[in-house]
Amino acid sequence: MPKFTLNDQEIEAKDGQTIIQAAQDAGIDIPHYCYHPDLPIDGNCRMCLVEVEKMPKLTPSCTALVAEGMVVRSNNERVKEAVRGVLEFLLINHPVDCPVCDQAGECRLQDYYMVYGLHTSEIPLEMKVRKRKVVDLGPMVVLDQERCVLCSRCIRFFEHVTGTGEMQFFGRGDHVAIGTFDDRPLDNPYSGNVVDIC
């Protein structure tokens, strides 16, 4: 069982654990969106960046395996600045109508903004990319593409858990959206789980 240091605290990790897994076991929260303990690792959101001593660049903690003697920092200025930049990209086209959102008060995007963001948007409201607001995906799921942070959890759920692969990314650049091909309904009996995993 390798021991490593995270934010000046020595932590014993299980063999084969990633930094984010070992941190969670030790009660240390590293911000993340795409990581989920029951899904394969994707490493696409870049919210979980950490500084690993002797590595020139910041690394996603969801993909980096713990090694004996590793020294990791998740709370220094370099990491906070990187996470702030990731948040800024996520919020560029995100709607700013939190008071009417179902997730208001229970939203990690709001929580992380209060800790890492606190910046004024450089994009005026009228220039934000508009996506589809109410996409009816069947009897249990309605998708708001503007609120989606493109973490790919739903895609990985249908790909690796149910093995049915109904959802996918469509488009390019800032017009990328998650959906089903030709807006086909999610009639999978497990489709309601994506609401919980989202």
C-alpha atoms as a PDB file:
ATOM      1  CA  MET A   1       0.000   0.000   0.000  1.00  0.00           C
ATOM      2  CA  PRO A   2       1.805   3.132  -1.207  1.00  0.00           C
ATOM      3  CA  LYS A   3       2.064   6.210   0.979  1.00  0.00           C
ATOM      4  CA  PHE A   4       2.045   9.663  -0.540  1.00  0.00           C
ATOM      5  CA  THR A   5       1.705  13.257   0.622  1.00  0.00           C
ATOM      6  CA  LEU A   6      -1.317  15.345  -0.352  1.00  0.00           C
ATOM      7  CA  ASN A   7      -1.383  18.964   0.810  1.00  0.00           C
ATOM      8  CA  ASP A   8       1.210  18.194   3.517  1.00  0.00           C
ATOM      9  CA  GLN A   9      -0.839  15.264   4.832  1.00  0.00           C
ATOM     10  CA  GLU A  10       0.527  11.713   4.574  1.00  0.00           C
ATOM     11  CA  ILE A  11      -2.020   9.336   3.081  1.00  0.00           C
ATOM     12  CA  GLU A  12      -1.925   5.592   2.647  1.00  0.00           C
ATOM     13  CA  ALA A  13      -3.526   4.530  -0.622  1.00  0.00           C
ATOM     14  CA  LYS A  14      -4.686   1.173  -1.893  1.00  0.00           C
ATOM     15  CA  ASP A  15      -2.679  -0.430  -4.684  1.00  0.00           C
ATOM     16  CA  GLY A  16      -3.804   0.865  -8.082  1.00  0.00           C
ATOM     17  CA  GLN A  17      -5.733   3.833  -6.696  1.00  0.00           C
ATOM     18  CA  THR A  18      -5.758   7.164  -8.461  1.00  0.00           C
ATOM     19  CA  ILE A  19      -5.005  10.368  -6.568  1.00  0.00           C
ATOM     20  CA  ILE A  20      -8.662  11.431  -6.521  1.00  0.00           C
ATOM     21  CA  GLN A  21      -9.775   8.040  -5.148  1.00  0.00           C
ATOM     22  CA  ALA A  22      -7.165   8.081  -2.376  1.00  0.00           C
ATOM     23  CA  ALA A  23      -8.038  11.706  -1.555  1.00  0.00           C
ATOM     24  CA  GLN A  24     -11.747  10.879  -1.266  1.00  0.00           C
ATOM     25  CA  ASP A  25     -10.961   7.915   1.011  1.00  0.00           C
ATOM     26  CA  ALA A  26      -8.989  10.339   3.209  1.00  0.00           C
ATOM     27  CA  GLY A  27     -11.863  12.853   3.263  1.00  0.00           C
ATOM     28  CA  ILE A  28     -10.151  15.400   0.999  1.00  0.00           C
ATOM     29  CA  ASP A  29     -12.330  16.850  -1.741  1.00  0.00           C
ATOM     30  CA  ILE A  30     -10.760  17.498  -5.127  1.00  0.00           C
ATOM     31  CA  PRO A  31     -13.171  19.308  -7.490  1.00  0.00           C
ATOM     32  CA  HIS A  32     -14.420  17.160 -10.371  1.00  0.00           C
ATOM     33  CA  TYR A  33     -17.255  16.636 -12.845  1.00  0.00           C
ATOM     34  CA  CYS A  34     -16.464  13.718 -15.129  1.00  0.00           C
ATOM     35  CA  TYR A  35     -15.072  11.409 -12.434  1.00  0.00           C
ATOM     36  CA  HIS A  36     -17.516   8.908 -10.946  1.00  0.00           C
ATOM     37  CA  PRO A  37     -16.369   5.958  -8.827  1.00  0.00           C
ATOM     38  CA  ASP A  38     -18.583   3.481 -10.696  1.00  0.00           C
ATOM     39  CA  LEU A  39     -17.720   4.562 -14.250  1.00  0.00           C
ATOM     40  CA  PRO A  40     -14.579   4.178 -16.348  1.00  0.00           C
ATOM     41  CA  ILE A  41     -12.227   7.150 -16.121  1.00  0.00           C
ATOM     42  CA  ASP A  42     -12.477   9.716 -18.906  1.00  0.00           C
ATOM     43  CA  GLY A  43     -10.395  12.669 -17.704  1.00  0.00           C
ATOM     44  CA  ASN A  44     -12.166  15.182 -19.933  1.00  0.00           C
ATOM     45  CA  CYS A  45     -13.375  17.911 -17.564  1.00  0.00           C
ATOM     46  CA  ARG A  46      -9.941  18.960 -16.211  1.00  0.00           C
ATOM     47  CA  MET A  47     -11.469  20.179 -12.946  1.00  0.00           C
ATOM     48  CA  CYS A  48      -9.423  17.719 -10.884  1.00  0.00           C
ATOM     49  CA  LEU A  49      -6.015  19.051 -11.889  1.00  0.00           C
ATOM     50  CA  VAL A  50      -3.307  18.694  -9.244  1.00  0.00           C
ATOM     51  CA  GLU A  51       0.375  19.519  -9.009  1.00  0.00           C
ATOM     52  CA  VAL A  52       2.639  16.482  -8.654  1.00  0.00           C
ATOM     53  CA  GLU A  53       6.188  17.238  -7.542  1.00  0.00           C
ATOM     54  CA  LYS A  54       8.776  16.647 -10.312  1.00  0.00           C
ATOM     55  CA  MET A  55       6.118  16.714 -13.040  1.00  0.00           C
ATOM     56  CA  PRO A  56       6.337  19.803 -15.275  1.00  0.00           C
ATOM     57  CA  LYS A  57       2.591  20.123 -15.932  1.00  0.00           C
ATOM     58  CA  LEU A  58      -0.517  19.826 -13.832  1.00  0.00           C
ATOM     59  CA  THR A  59      -2.132  16.409 -14.128  1.00  0.00           C
ATOM     60  CA  PRO A  60      -5.736  15.216 -13.781  1.00  0.00           C
ATOM     61  CA  SER A  61      -5.984  13.428 -10.431  1.00  0.00           C
ATOM     62  CA  CYS A  62      -8.579  11.013 -11.826  1.00  0.00           C
ATOM     63  CA  THR A  63      -6.035   9.498 -14.230  1.00  0.00           C
ATOM     64  CA  ALA A  64      -2.818   9.656 -12.175  1.00  0.00           C
ATOM     65  CA  LEU A  65      -2.051   6.560 -10.121  1.00  0.00           C
ATOM     66  CA  VAL A  66      -0.610   6.997  -6.646  1.00  0.00           C
ATOM     67  CA  ALA A  67       3.073   6.083  -6.327  1.00  0.00           C
ATOM     68  CA  GLU A  68       5.164   5.600  -3.212  1.00  0.00           C
ATOM     69  CA  GLY A  69       6.594   8.906  -1.960  1.00  0.00           C
ATOM     70  CA  MET A  70       4.610  11.044  -4.404  1.00  0.00           C
ATOM     71  CA  VAL A  71       4.070  14.659  -3.281  1.00  0.00           C
ATOM     72  CA  VAL A  72       0.803  16.172  -4.499  1.00  0.00           C
ATOM     73  CA  ARG A  73      -0.810  19.576  -4.029  1.00  0.00           C
ATOM     74  CA  SER A  74      -4.430  20.307  -4.842  1.00  0.00           C
ATOM     75  CA  ASN A  75      -4.824  23.629  -3.059  1.00  0.00           C
ATOM     76  CA  ASN A  76      -1.942  25.881  -4.085  1.00  0.00           C
ATOM     77  CA  GLU A  77      -2.263  29.003  -6.267  1.00  0.00           C
ATOM     78  CA  ARG A  78      -1.092  27.279  -9.452  1.00  0.00           C
ATOM     79  CA  VAL A  79      -3.825  24.637  -9.167  1.00  0.00           C
ATOM     80  CA  LYS A  80      -6.496  27.146  -8.145  1.00  0.00           C
ATOM     81  CA  GLU A  81      -5.649  29.328 -11.146  1.00  0.00           C
ATOM     82  CA  ALA A  82      -5.957  26.338 -13.500  1.00  0.00           C
ATOM     83  CA  VAL A  83      -9.291  25.271 -12.004  1.00  0.00           C
ATOM     84  CA  ARG A  84     -10.501  28.877 -12.231  1.00  0.00           C
ATOM     85  CA  GLY A  85      -9.642  28.830 -15.948  1.00  0.00           C
ATOM     86  CA  VAL A  86     -11.520  25.559 -16.500  1.00  0.00           C
ATOM     87  CA  LEU A  87     -14.540  27.009 -14.705  1.00  0.00           C
ATOM     88  CA  GLU A  88     -14.398  30.123 -16.842  1.00  0.00           C
ATOM     89  CA  PHE A  89     -14.603  27.984 -19.995  1.00  0.00           C
ATOM     90  CA  LEU A  90     -17.523  26.016 -18.554  1.00  0.00           C
ATOM     91  CA  LEU A  91     -19.372  29.207 -17.666  1.00  0.00           C
ATOM     92  CA  ILE A  92     -18.730  31.094 -20.934  1.00  0.00           C
ATOM     93  CA  ASN A  93     -21.931  29.786 -22.505  1.00  0.00           C
ATOM     94  CA  HIS A  94     -23.700  28.515 -19.405  1.00  0.00           C
ATOM     95  CA  PRO A  95     -27.022  30.217 -18.609  1.00  0.00           C
ATOM     96  CA  VAL A  96     -26.873  32.571 -15.643  1.00  0.00           C
ATOM     97  CA  ASP A  97     -30.447  32.001 -14.521  1.00  0.00           C
ATOM     98  CA  CYS A  98     -29.605  30.130 -11.324  1.00  0.00           C
ATOM     99  CA  PRO A  99     -32.707  31.348  -9.398  1.00  0.00           C
ATOM    100  CA  VAL A 100     -35.017  29.399 -11.748  1.00  0.00           C
ATOM    101  CA  CYS A 101     -32.824  26.310 -12.111  1.00  0.00           C
ATOM    102  CA  ASP A 102     -33.946  23.054 -10.469  1.00  0.00           C
ATOM    103  CA  GLN A 103     -30.407  22.499  -9.195  1.00  0.00           C
ATOM    104  CA  ALA A 104     -29.960  25.941  -7.594  1.00  0.00           C
ATOM    105  CA  GLY A 105     -28.457  25.453  -4.158  1.00  0.00           C
ATOM    106  CA  GLU A 106     -27.469  21.854  -4.953  1.00  0.00           C
ATOM    107  CA  CYS A 107     -25.196  22.591  -7.900  1.00  0.00           C
ATOM    108  CA  ARG A 108     -21.487  21.814  -7.900  1.00  0.00           C
ATOM    109  CA  LEU A 109     -20.960  24.384 -10.640  1.00  0.00           C
ATOM    110  CA  GLN A 110     -22.281  27.076  -8.249  1.00  0.00           C
ATOM    111  CA  ASP A 111     -20.264  25.666  -5.348  1.00  0.00           C
ATOM    112  CA  TYR A 112     -17.004  25.560  -7.314  1.00  0.00           C
ATOM    113  CA  TYR A 113     -17.618  29.050  -8.691  1.00  0.00           C
ATOM    114  CA  MET A 114     -17.891  30.390  -5.134  1.00  0.00           C
ATOM    115  CA  VAL A 115     -14.573  28.752  -4.196  1.00  0.00           C
ATOM    116  CA  TYR A 116     -12.529  29.046  -7.399  1.00  0.00           C
ATOM    117  CA  GLY A 117     -14.336  31.384  -9.789  1.00  0.00           C
ATOM    118  CA  LEU A 118     -15.715  34.711  -8.631  1.00  0.00           C
ATOM    119  CA  HIS A 119     -14.907  36.267 -12.002  1.00  0.00           C
ATOM    120  CA  THR A 120     -17.049  38.434 -14.229  1.00  0.00           C
ATOM    121  CA  SER A 121     -17.992  36.848 -17.537  1.00  0.00           C
ATOM    122  CA  GLU A 122     -16.189  38.277 -20.558  1.00  0.00           C
ATOM    123  CA  ILE A 123     -19.078  37.226 -22.810  1.00  0.00           C
ATOM    124  CA  PRO A 124     -22.202  39.423 -22.891  1.00  0.00           C
ATOM    125  CA  LEU A 125     -25.477  37.503 -22.451  1.00  0.00           C
ATOM    126  CA  GLU A 126     -26.553  38.149 -26.027  1.00  0.00           C
ATOM    127  CA  MET A 127     -23.366  36.502 -27.375  1.00  0.00           C
ATOM    128  CA  LYS A 128     -23.690  33.240 -25.424  1.00  0.00           C
ATOM    129  CA  VAL A 129     -24.150  30.143 -27.581  1.00  0.00           C
ATOM    130  CA  ARG A 130     -27.746  29.000 -27.316  1.00  0.00           C
ATOM    131  CA  LYS A 131     -28.519  25.297 -27.229  1.00  0.00           C
ATOM    132  CA  ARG A 132     -31.766  23.373 -26.979  1.00  0.00           C
ATOM    133  CA  LYS A 133     -33.531  23.875 -23.646  1.00  0.00           C
ATOM    134  CA  VAL A 134     -36.123  21.092 -23.363  1.00  0.00           C
ATOM    135  CA  VAL A 135     -35.140  17.939 -25.222  1.00  0.00           C
ATOM    136  CA  ASP A 136     -37.640  15.203 -24.393  1.00  0.00           C
ATOM    137  CA  LEU A 137     -35.650  11.981 -24.300  1.00  0.00           C
ATOM    138  CA  GLY A 138     -38.418   9.625 -23.253  1.00  0.00           C
ATOM    139  CA  PRO A 139     -40.668   8.948 -20.301  1.00  0.00           C
ATOM    140  CA  MET A 140     -38.044   9.671 -17.614  1.00  0.00           C
ATOM    141  CA  VAL A 141     -35.470  12.115 -19.039  1.00  0.00           C
ATOM    142  CA  VAL A 142     -35.667  15.721 -20.215  1.00  0.00           C
ATOM    143  CA  LEU A 143     -32.360  17.262 -21.271  1.00  0.00           C
ATOM    144  CA  ASP A 144     -31.369  20.923 -21.077  1.00  0.00           C
ATOM    145  CA  GLN A 145     -28.309  21.127 -23.344  1.00  0.00           C
ATOM    146  CA  GLU A 146     -27.396  24.626 -22.138  1.00  0.00           C
ATOM    147  CA  ARG A 147     -26.905  23.429 -18.554  1.00  0.00           C
ATOM    148  CA  CYS A 148     -24.837  20.377 -19.532  1.00  0.00           C
ATOM    149  CA  VAL A 149     -21.120  20.642 -18.648  1.00  0.00           C
ATOM    150  CA  LEU A 150     -20.237  17.815 -21.103  1.00  0.00           C
ATOM    151  CA  CYS A 151     -18.784  15.538 -18.420  1.00  0.00           C
ATOM    152  CA  SER A 152     -19.777  12.422 -20.432  1.00  0.00           C
ATOM    153  CA  ARG A 153     -21.083  10.510 -17.412  1.00  0.00           C
ATOM    154  CA  CYS A 154     -24.352   9.691 -19.225  1.00  0.00           C
ATOM    155  CA  ILE A 155     -22.482   8.552 -22.334  1.00  0.00           C
ATOM    156  CA  ARG A 156     -20.216   6.276 -20.284  1.00  0.00           C
ATOM    157  CA  PHE A 157     -23.200   4.919 -18.333  1.00  0.00           C
ATOM    158  CA  PHE A 158     -24.958   3.788 -21.516  1.00  0.00           C
ATOM    159  CA  GLU A 159     -21.706   2.579 -23.033  1.00  0.00           C
ATOM    160  CA  HIS A 160     -20.264   0.621 -20.099  1.00  0.00           C
ATOM    161  CA  VAL A 161     -23.122  -0.155 -17.691  1.00  0.00           C
ATOM    162  CA  THR A 162     -26.118  -0.900 -19.907  1.00  0.00           C
ATOM    163  CA  GLY A 163     -24.036  -1.610 -23.026  1.00  0.00           C
ATOM    164  CA  THR A 164     -26.629   0.119 -25.220  1.00  0.00           C
ATOM    165  CA  GLY A 165     -24.744   3.312 -26.192  1.00  0.00           C
ATOM    166  CA  GLU A 166     -27.743   5.564 -26.863  1.00  0.00           C
ATOM    167  CA  MET A 167     -26.120   8.903 -25.971  1.00  0.00           C
ATOM    168  CA  GLN A 168     -23.203  10.641 -27.676  1.00  0.00           C
ATOM    169  CA  PHE A 169     -21.521  14.003 -28.279  1.00  0.00           C
ATOM    170  CA  PHE A 170     -22.740  15.871 -31.361  1.00  0.00           C
ATOM    171  CA  GLY A 171     -21.213  18.978 -32.958  1.00  0.00           C
ATOM    172  CA  ARG A 172     -17.839  20.652 -32.537  1.00  0.00           C
ATOM    173  CA  GLY A 173     -16.201  23.401 -30.524  1.00  0.00           C
ATOM    174  CA  ASP A 174     -18.544  25.448 -28.364  1.00  0.00           C
ATOM    175  CA  HIS A 175     -21.532  23.957 -30.206  1.00  0.00           C
ATOM    176  CA  VAL A 176     -20.940  20.438 -28.839  1.00  0.00           C
ATOM    177  CA  ALA A 177     -24.013  18.979 -27.176  1.00  0.00           C
ATOM    178  CA  ILE A 178     -24.993  15.641 -25.707  1.00  0.00           C
ATOM    179  CA  GLY A 179     -28.004  13.839 -27.115  1.00  0.00           C
ATOM    180  CA  THR A 180     -29.336  10.766 -28.828  1.00  0.00           C
ATOM    181  CA  PHE A 181     -29.114  10.122 -32.549  1.00  0.00           C
ATOM    182  CA  ASP A 182     -32.048  11.773 -34.305  1.00  0.00           C
ATOM    183  CA  ASP A 183     -33.536  12.531 -30.846  1.00  0.00           C
ATOM    184  CA  ARG A 184     -34.552   8.911 -30.439  1.00  0.00           C
ATOM    185  CA  PRO A 185     -36.200   8.258 -27.065  1.00  0.00           C
ATOM    186  CA  LEU A 186     -34.356   6.614 -24.208  1.00  0.00           C
ATOM    187  CA  ASP A 187     -36.559   3.581 -23.754  1.00  0.00           C
ATOM    188  CA  ASN A 188     -33.887   1.655 -21.887  1.00  0.00           C
ATOM    189  CA  PRO A 189     -35.305   0.465 -18.525  1.00  0.00           C
ATOM    190  CA  TYR A 190     -32.229   1.960 -16.797  1.00  0.00           C
ATOM    191  CA  SER A 191     -32.461   5.372 -18.478  1.00  0.00           C
ATOM    192  CA  GLY A 192     -33.742   7.080 -15.323  1.00  0.00           C
ATOM    193  CA  ASN A 193     -30.334   6.431 -13.730  1.00  0.00           C
ATOM    194  CA  VAL A 194     -28.702   9.088 -15.923  1.00  0.00           C
ATOM    195  CA  VAL A 195     -30.708  11.751 -14.116  1.00  0.00           C
ATOM    196  CA  ASP A 196     -29.090  10.630 -10.861  1.00  0.00           C
ATOM    197  CA  ILE A 197     -25.608  10.217 -12.352  1.00  0.00           C
ATOM    198  CA  CYS A 198     -25.723  13.635 -14.076  1.00  0.00           C
END
